[in-house]
PDB file of all heavy atoms in Angstrom:
ATOM      1  N   VAL A   1       0.863  -1.173   0.000  1.00  0.00           N
ATOM      2  CA  VAL A   1       0.000   0.000   0.000  1.00  0.00           C
ATOM      3  C   VAL A   1       0.905   1.229   0.000  1.00  0.00           C
ATOM      4  O   VAL A   1       1.657   1.451   0.950  1.00  0.00           O
ATOM      5  CB  VAL A   1      -0.925   0.024   1.233  1.00  0.00           C
ATOM      6  CG1 VAL A   1      -1.867   1.217   1.172  1.00  0.00           C
ATOM      7  CG2 VAL A   1      -1.707  -1.286   1.336  1.00  0.00           C
ATOM      8  N   PRO A   2       0.886   2.038  -1.065  1.00  0.00           N
ATOM      9  CA  PRO A   2       1.820   3.161  -1.160  1.00  0.00           C
ATOM     10  C   PRO A   2       1.520   4.227  -0.114  1.00  0.00           C
ATOM     11  O   PRO A   2       0.428   4.272   0.452  1.00  0.00           O
ATOM     12  CB  PRO A   2       1.581   3.687  -2.580  1.00  0.00           C
ATOM     13  CG  PRO A   2       0.169   3.311  -2.888  1.00  0.00           C
ATOM     14  CD  PRO A   2      -0.043   1.982  -2.210  1.00  0.00           C
ATOM     15  N   PRO A   3       2.489   5.111   0.131  1.00  0.00           N
ATOM     16  CA  PRO A   3       2.295   6.142   1.153  1.00  0.00           C
ATOM     17  C   PRO A   3       1.247   7.176   0.768  1.00  0.00           C
ATOM     18  O   PRO A   3       0.637   7.791   1.636  1.00  0.00           O
ATOM     19  CB  PRO A   3       3.686   6.781   1.279  1.00  0.00           C
ATOM     20  CG  PRO A   3       4.386   6.444   0.007  1.00  0.00           C
ATOM     21  CD  PRO A   3       3.857   5.113  -0.408  1.00  0.00           C
ATOM     22  N   GLY A   4       1.036   7.379  -0.529  1.00  0.00           N
ATOM     23  CA  GLY A   4      -0.009   8.295  -0.982  1.00  0.00           C
ATOM     24  C   GLY A   4      -1.228   7.526  -1.455  1.00  0.00           C
ATOM     25  O   GLY A   4      -1.225   6.297  -1.506  1.00  0.00           O
ATOM     26  N   ALA A   5      -2.283   8.232  -1.790  1.00  0.00           N
ATOM     27  CA  ALA A   5      -3.493   7.593  -2.288  1.00  0.00           C
ATOM     28  C   ALA A   5      -3.179   6.847  -3.588  1.00  0.00           C
ATOM     29  O   ALA A   5      -2.588   7.427  -4.507  1.00  0.00           O
ATOM     30  CB  ALA A   5      -4.574   8.638  -2.527  1.00  0.00           C
ATOM     31  N   PRO A   6      -3.542   5.580  -3.681  1.00  0.00           N
ATOM     32  CA  PRO A   6      -3.232   4.816  -4.895  1.00  0.00           C
ATOM     33  C   PRO A   6      -3.911   5.411  -6.122  1.00  0.00           C
ATOM     34  O   PRO A   6      -5.115   5.679  -6.110  1.00  0.00           O
ATOM     35  CB  PRO A   6      -3.785   3.422  -4.584  1.00  0.00           C
ATOM     36  CG  PRO A   6      -3.867   3.352  -3.092  1.00  0.00           C
ATOM     37  CD  PRO A   6      -4.194   4.742  -2.652  1.00  0.00           C
ATOM     38  N   LYS A   7      -3.117   5.610  -7.165  1.00  0.00           N
ATOM     39  CA  LYS A   7      -3.652   6.097  -8.430  1.00  0.00           C
ATOM     40  C   LYS A   7      -3.494   5.063  -9.538  1.00  0.00           C
ATOM     41  O   LYS A   7      -3.908   5.297 -10.676  1.00  0.00           O
ATOM     42  CB  LYS A   7      -2.942   7.399  -8.826  1.00  0.00           C
ATOM     43  CG  LYS A   7      -3.173   8.541  -7.841  1.00  0.00           C
ATOM     44  CD  LYS A   7      -2.458   9.804  -8.273  1.00  0.00           C
ATOM     45  CE  LYS A   7      -2.674  10.930  -7.275  1.00  0.00           C
ATOM     46  NZ  LYS A   7      -1.924  12.159  -7.657  1.00  0.00           N
ATOM     47  N   ALA A   8      -2.876   3.942  -9.191  1.00  0.00           N
ATOM     48  CA  ALA A   8      -2.717   2.834 -10.126  1.00  0.00           C
ATOM     49  C   ALA A   8      -2.529   1.570  -9.294  1.00  0.00           C
ATOM     50  O   ALA A   8      -2.081   1.627  -8.142  1.00  0.00           O
ATOM     51  CB  ALA A   8      -1.517   3.051 -11.041  1.00  0.00           C
ATOM     52  N   VAL A   9      -2.874   0.431  -9.880  1.00  0.00           N
ATOM     53  CA  VAL A   9      -2.707  -0.834  -9.172  1.00  0.00           C
ATOM     54  C   VAL A   9      -2.135  -1.863 -10.128  1.00  0.00           C
ATOM     55  O   VAL A   9      -2.517  -1.932 -11.295  1.00  0.00           O
ATOM     56  CB  VAL A   9      -4.040  -1.324  -8.560  1.00  0.00           C
ATOM     57  CG1 VAL A   9      -5.094  -1.534  -9.634  1.00  0.00           C
ATOM     58  CG2 VAL A   9      -3.848  -2.599  -7.746  1.00  0.00           C
ATOM     59  N   VAL A  10      -1.168  -2.640  -9.626  1.00  0.00           N
ATOM     60  CA  VAL A  10      -0.550  -3.719 -10.388  1.00  0.00           C
ATOM     61  C   VAL A  10      -0.868  -5.027  -9.681  1.00  0.00           C
ATOM     62  O   VAL A  10      -0.474  -5.236  -8.520  1.00  0.00           O
ATOM     63  CB  VAL A  10       0.976  -3.537 -10.497  1.00  0.00           C
ATOM     64  CG1 VAL A  10       1.587  -4.691 -11.298  1.00  0.00           C
ATOM     65  CG2 VAL A  10       1.332  -2.202 -11.120  1.00  0.00           C
ATOM     66  N   PHE A  11      -1.582  -5.915 -10.353  1.00  0.00           N
ATOM     67  CA  PHE A  11      -1.841  -7.251  -9.835  1.00  0.00           C
ATOM     68  C   PHE A  11      -0.718  -8.164 -10.316  1.00  0.00           C
ATOM     69  O   PHE A  11      -0.416  -8.205 -11.513  1.00  0.00           O
ATOM     70  CB  PHE A  11      -3.193  -7.760 -10.327  1.00  0.00           C
ATOM     71  CG  PHE A  11      -4.369  -7.045  -9.713  1.00  0.00           C
ATOM     72  CD1 PHE A  11      -4.892  -5.899 -10.301  1.00  0.00           C
ATOM     73  CD2 PHE A  11      -4.940  -7.506  -8.539  1.00  0.00           C
ATOM     74  CE1 PHE A  11      -5.963  -5.230  -9.738  1.00  0.00           C
ATOM     75  CE2 PHE A  11      -6.023  -6.839  -7.955  1.00  0.00           C
ATOM     76  CZ  PHE A  11      -6.533  -5.705  -8.558  1.00  0.00           C
ATOM     77  N   ALA A  12      -0.079  -8.884  -9.386  1.00  0.00           N
ATOM     78  CA  ALA A  12       1.141  -9.612  -9.722  1.00  0.00           C
ATOM     79  C   ALA A  12       1.084 -11.071  -9.308  1.00  0.00           C
ATOM     80  O   ALA A  12       0.634 -11.402  -8.211  1.00  0.00           O
ATOM     81  CB  ALA A  12       2.345  -8.949  -9.047  1.00  0.00           C
ATOM     82  N   GLY A  13       1.569 -11.931 -10.201  1.00  0.00           N
ATOM     83  CA  GLY A  13       1.822 -13.311  -9.845  1.00  0.00           C
ATOM     84  C   GLY A  13       3.106 -13.418  -9.036  1.00  0.00           C
ATOM     85  O   GLY A  13       3.922 -12.494  -9.023  1.00  0.00           O
ATOM     86  N   ASP A  14       3.282 -14.550  -8.354  1.00  0.00           N
ATOM     87  CA  ASP A  14       4.432 -14.726  -7.459  1.00  0.00           C
ATOM     88  C   ASP A  14       4.540 -13.543  -6.506  1.00  0.00           C
ATOM     89  O   ASP A  14       5.606 -12.965  -6.278  1.00  0.00           O
ATOM     90  CB  ASP A  14       5.735 -14.908  -8.243  1.00  0.00           C
ATOM     91  CG  ASP A  14       5.756 -16.208  -9.046  1.00  0.00           C
ATOM     92  OD1 ASP A  14       5.171 -17.204  -8.580  1.00  0.00           O
ATOM     93  OD2 ASP A  14       6.348 -16.229 -10.137  1.00  0.00           O
ATOM     94  N   GLY A  15       3.402 -13.182  -5.940  1.00  0.00           N
ATOM     95  CA  GLY A  15       3.306 -11.959  -5.155  1.00  0.00           C
ATOM     96  C   GLY A  15       4.074 -11.953  -3.864  1.00  0.00           C
ATOM     97  O   GLY A  15       4.315 -10.887  -3.281  1.00  0.00           O
ATOM     98  N   GLN A  16       4.489 -13.139  -3.378  1.00  0.00           N
ATOM     99  CA  GLN A  16       5.294 -13.176  -2.163  1.00  0.00           C
ATOM    100  C   GLN A  16       6.632 -12.475  -2.377  1.00  0.00           C
ATOM    101  O   GLN A  16       7.268 -12.031  -1.425  1.00  0.00           O
ATOM    102  CB  GLN A  16       5.519 -14.622  -1.700  1.00  0.00           C
ATOM    103  CG  GLN A  16       6.367 -15.486  -2.607  1.00  0.00           C
ATOM    104  CD  GLN A  16       5.576 -16.160  -3.709  1.00  0.00           C
ATOM    105  OE1 GLN A  16       4.531 -15.691  -4.128  1.00  0.00           O
ATOM    106  NE2 GLN A  16       6.085 -17.290  -4.173  1.00  0.00           N
ATOM    107  N   VAL A  17       7.055 -12.344  -3.629  1.00  0.00           N
ATOM    108  CA  VAL A  17       8.289 -11.639  -3.975  1.00  0.00           C
ATOM    109  C   VAL A  17       7.981 -10.215  -4.448  1.00  0.00           C
ATOM    110  O   VAL A  17       8.520  -9.238  -3.938  1.00  0.00           O
ATOM    111  CB  VAL A  17       9.065 -12.404  -5.071  1.00  0.00           C
ATOM    112  CG1 VAL A  17      10.287 -11.594  -5.518  1.00  0.00           C
ATOM    113  CG2 VAL A  17       9.478 -13.780  -4.578  1.00  0.00           C
ATOM    114  N   VAL A  18       7.093 -10.100  -5.427  1.00  0.00           N
ATOM    115  CA  VAL A  18       6.870  -8.823  -6.109  1.00  0.00           C
ATOM    116  C   VAL A  18       6.293  -7.764  -5.181  1.00  0.00           C
ATOM    117  O   VAL A  18       6.605  -6.572  -5.302  1.00  0.00           O
ATOM    118  CB  VAL A  18       5.955  -9.025  -7.332  1.00  0.00           C
ATOM    119  CG1 VAL A  18       5.736  -7.712  -8.070  1.00  0.00           C
ATOM    120  CG2 VAL A  18       6.555 -10.062  -8.269  1.00  0.00           C
ATOM    121  N   SER A  19       5.469  -8.171  -4.216  1.00  0.00           N
ATOM    122  CA  SER A  19       4.851  -7.189  -3.320  1.00  0.00           C
ATOM    123  C   SER A  19       5.882  -6.412  -2.512  1.00  0.00           C
ATOM    124  O   SER A  19       5.604  -5.310  -2.038  1.00  0.00           O
ATOM    125  CB  SER A  19       3.868  -7.891  -2.373  1.00  0.00           C
ATOM    126  OG  SER A  19       4.515  -8.934  -1.659  1.00  0.00           O
ATOM    127  N   HIS A  20       7.096  -6.958  -2.372  1.00  0.00           N
ATOM    128  CA  HIS A  20       8.146  -6.292  -1.598  1.00  0.00           C
ATOM    129  C   HIS A  20       8.938  -5.294  -2.440  1.00  0.00           C
ATOM    130  O   HIS A  20       9.912  -4.719  -1.939  1.00  0.00           O
ATOM    131  CB  HIS A  20       9.077  -7.338  -0.978  1.00  0.00           C
ATOM    132  CG  HIS A  20       8.419  -8.160   0.079  1.00  0.00           C
ATOM    133  ND1 HIS A  20       8.497  -7.848   1.426  1.00  0.00           N
ATOM    134  CD2 HIS A  20       7.641  -9.265  -0.005  1.00  0.00           C
ATOM    135  CE1 HIS A  20       7.805  -8.740   2.123  1.00  0.00           C
ATOM    136  NE2 HIS A  20       7.275  -9.608   1.281  1.00  0.00           N
ATOM    137  N   TRP A  21       8.545  -5.101  -3.680  1.00  0.00           N
ATOM    138  CA  TRP A  21       9.265  -4.165  -4.550  1.00  0.00           C
ATOM    139  C   TRP A  21       8.758  -2.743  -4.432  1.00  0.00           C
ATOM    140  O   TRP A  21       9.166  -1.859  -5.183  1.00  0.00           O
ATOM    141  CB  TRP A  21       9.181  -4.630  -6.005  1.00  0.00           C
ATOM    142  CG  TRP A  21       9.906  -5.920  -6.263  1.00  0.00           C
ATOM    143  CD1 TRP A  21      10.681  -6.625  -5.394  1.00  0.00           C
ATOM    144  CD2 TRP A  21       9.906  -6.663  -7.484  1.00  0.00           C
ATOM    145  NE1 TRP A  21      11.167  -7.765  -5.981  1.00  0.00           N
ATOM    146  CE2 TRP A  21      10.712  -7.821  -7.270  1.00  0.00           C
ATOM    147  CE3 TRP A  21       9.304  -6.478  -8.721  1.00  0.00           C
ATOM    148  CZ2 TRP A  21      10.922  -8.771  -8.261  1.00  0.00           C
ATOM    149  CZ3 TRP A  21       9.519  -7.428  -9.715  1.00  0.00           C
ATOM    150  CH2 TRP A  21      10.318  -8.550  -9.491  1.00  0.00           C
ATOM    151  N   GLY A  22       7.870  -2.479  -3.489  1.00  0.00           N
ATOM    152  CA  GLY A  22       7.385  -1.119  -3.299  1.00  0.00           C
ATOM    153  C   GLY A  22       8.494  -0.137  -2.987  1.00  0.00           C
ATOM    154  O   GLY A  22       8.443   1.027  -3.413  1.00  0.00           O
ATOM    155  N   ALA A  23       9.497  -0.592  -2.260  1.00  0.00           N
ATOM    156  CA  ALA A  23      10.613   0.297  -1.936  1.00  0.00           C
ATOM    157  C   ALA A  23      11.344   0.758  -3.190  1.00  0.00           C
ATOM    158  O   ALA A  23      11.858   1.882  -3.251  1.00  0.00           O
ATOM    159  CB  ALA A  23      11.589  -0.412  -0.997  1.00  0.00           C
ATOM    160  N   PHE A  24      11.387  -0.104  -4.214  1.00  0.00           N
ATOM    161  CA  PHE A  24      12.041   0.274  -5.468  1.00  0.00           C
ATOM    162  C   PHE A  24      11.208   1.308  -6.225  1.00  0.00           C
ATOM    163  O   PHE A  24      11.758   2.195  -6.873  1.00  0.00           O
ATOM    164  CB  PHE A  24      12.285  -0.971  -6.326  1.00  0.00           C
ATOM    165  CG  PHE A  24      13.322  -1.887  -5.744  1.00  0.00           C
ATOM    166  CD1 PHE A  24      12.973  -2.878  -4.849  1.00  0.00           C
ATOM    167  CD2 PHE A  24      14.660  -1.742  -6.066  1.00  0.00           C
ATOM    168  CE1 PHE A  24      13.921  -3.722  -4.303  1.00  0.00           C
ATOM    169  CE2 PHE A  24      15.623  -2.569  -5.532  1.00  0.00           C
ATOM    170  CZ  PHE A  24      15.260  -3.566  -4.635  1.00  0.00           C
ATOM    171  N   LEU A  25       9.883   1.178  -6.132  1.00  0.00           N
ATOM    172  CA  LEU A  25       9.028   2.209  -6.729  1.00  0.00           C
ATOM    173  C   LEU A  25       9.262   3.545  -6.041  1.00  0.00           C
ATOM    174  O   LEU A  25       9.388   4.591  -6.702  1.00  0.00           O
ATOM    175  CB  LEU A  25       7.558   1.810  -6.603  1.00  0.00           C
ATOM    176  CG  LEU A  25       7.072   0.610  -7.405  1.00  0.00           C
ATOM    177  CD1 LEU A  25       5.587   0.368  -7.128  1.00  0.00           C
ATOM    178  CD2 LEU A  25       7.304   0.811  -8.898  1.00  0.00           C
ATOM    179  N   GLU A  26       9.313   3.539  -4.721  1.00  0.00           N
ATOM    180  CA  GLU A  26       9.509   4.775  -3.976  1.00  0.00           C
ATOM    181  C   GLU A  26      10.856   5.404  -4.299  1.00  0.00           C
ATOM    182  O   GLU A  26      10.961   6.626  -4.472  1.00  0.00           O
ATOM    183  CB  GLU A  26       9.386   4.501  -2.475  1.00  0.00           C
ATOM    184  CG  GLU A  26       7.974   4.103  -2.057  1.00  0.00           C
ATOM    185  CD  GLU A  26       7.891   3.752  -0.576  1.00  0.00           C
ATOM    186  OE1 GLU A  26       8.782   4.179   0.182  1.00  0.00           O
ATOM    187  OE2 GLU A  26       6.941   3.046  -0.191  1.00  0.00           O
ATOM    188  N   ALA A  27      11.899   4.577  -4.391  1.00  0.00           N
ATOM    189  CA  ALA A  27      13.228   5.102  -4.698  1.00  0.00           C
ATOM    190  C   ALA A  27      13.278   5.721  -6.091  1.00  0.00           C
ATOM    191  O   ALA A  27      14.056   6.649  -6.338  1.00  0.00           O
ATOM    192  CB  ALA A  27      14.269   3.986  -4.585  1.00  0.00           C
ATOM    193  N   ALA A  28      12.433   5.217  -6.991  1.00  0.00           N
ATOM    194  CA  ALA A  28      12.388   5.751  -8.349  1.00  0.00           C
ATOM    195  C   ALA A  28      11.466   6.955  -8.463  1.00  0.00           C
ATOM    196  O   ALA A  28      11.308   7.520  -9.548  1.00  0.00           O
ATOM    197  CB  ALA A  28      11.936   4.655  -9.315  1.00  0.00           C
TER     198      ALA A  28
END
């Protein structure tokens, strides 16, 4: 769940891994 109001959503397979990539979105 992003720090701001969600304006887009990505549904992901193998989510036990991909869900932890939020920090990479924030860094970008």
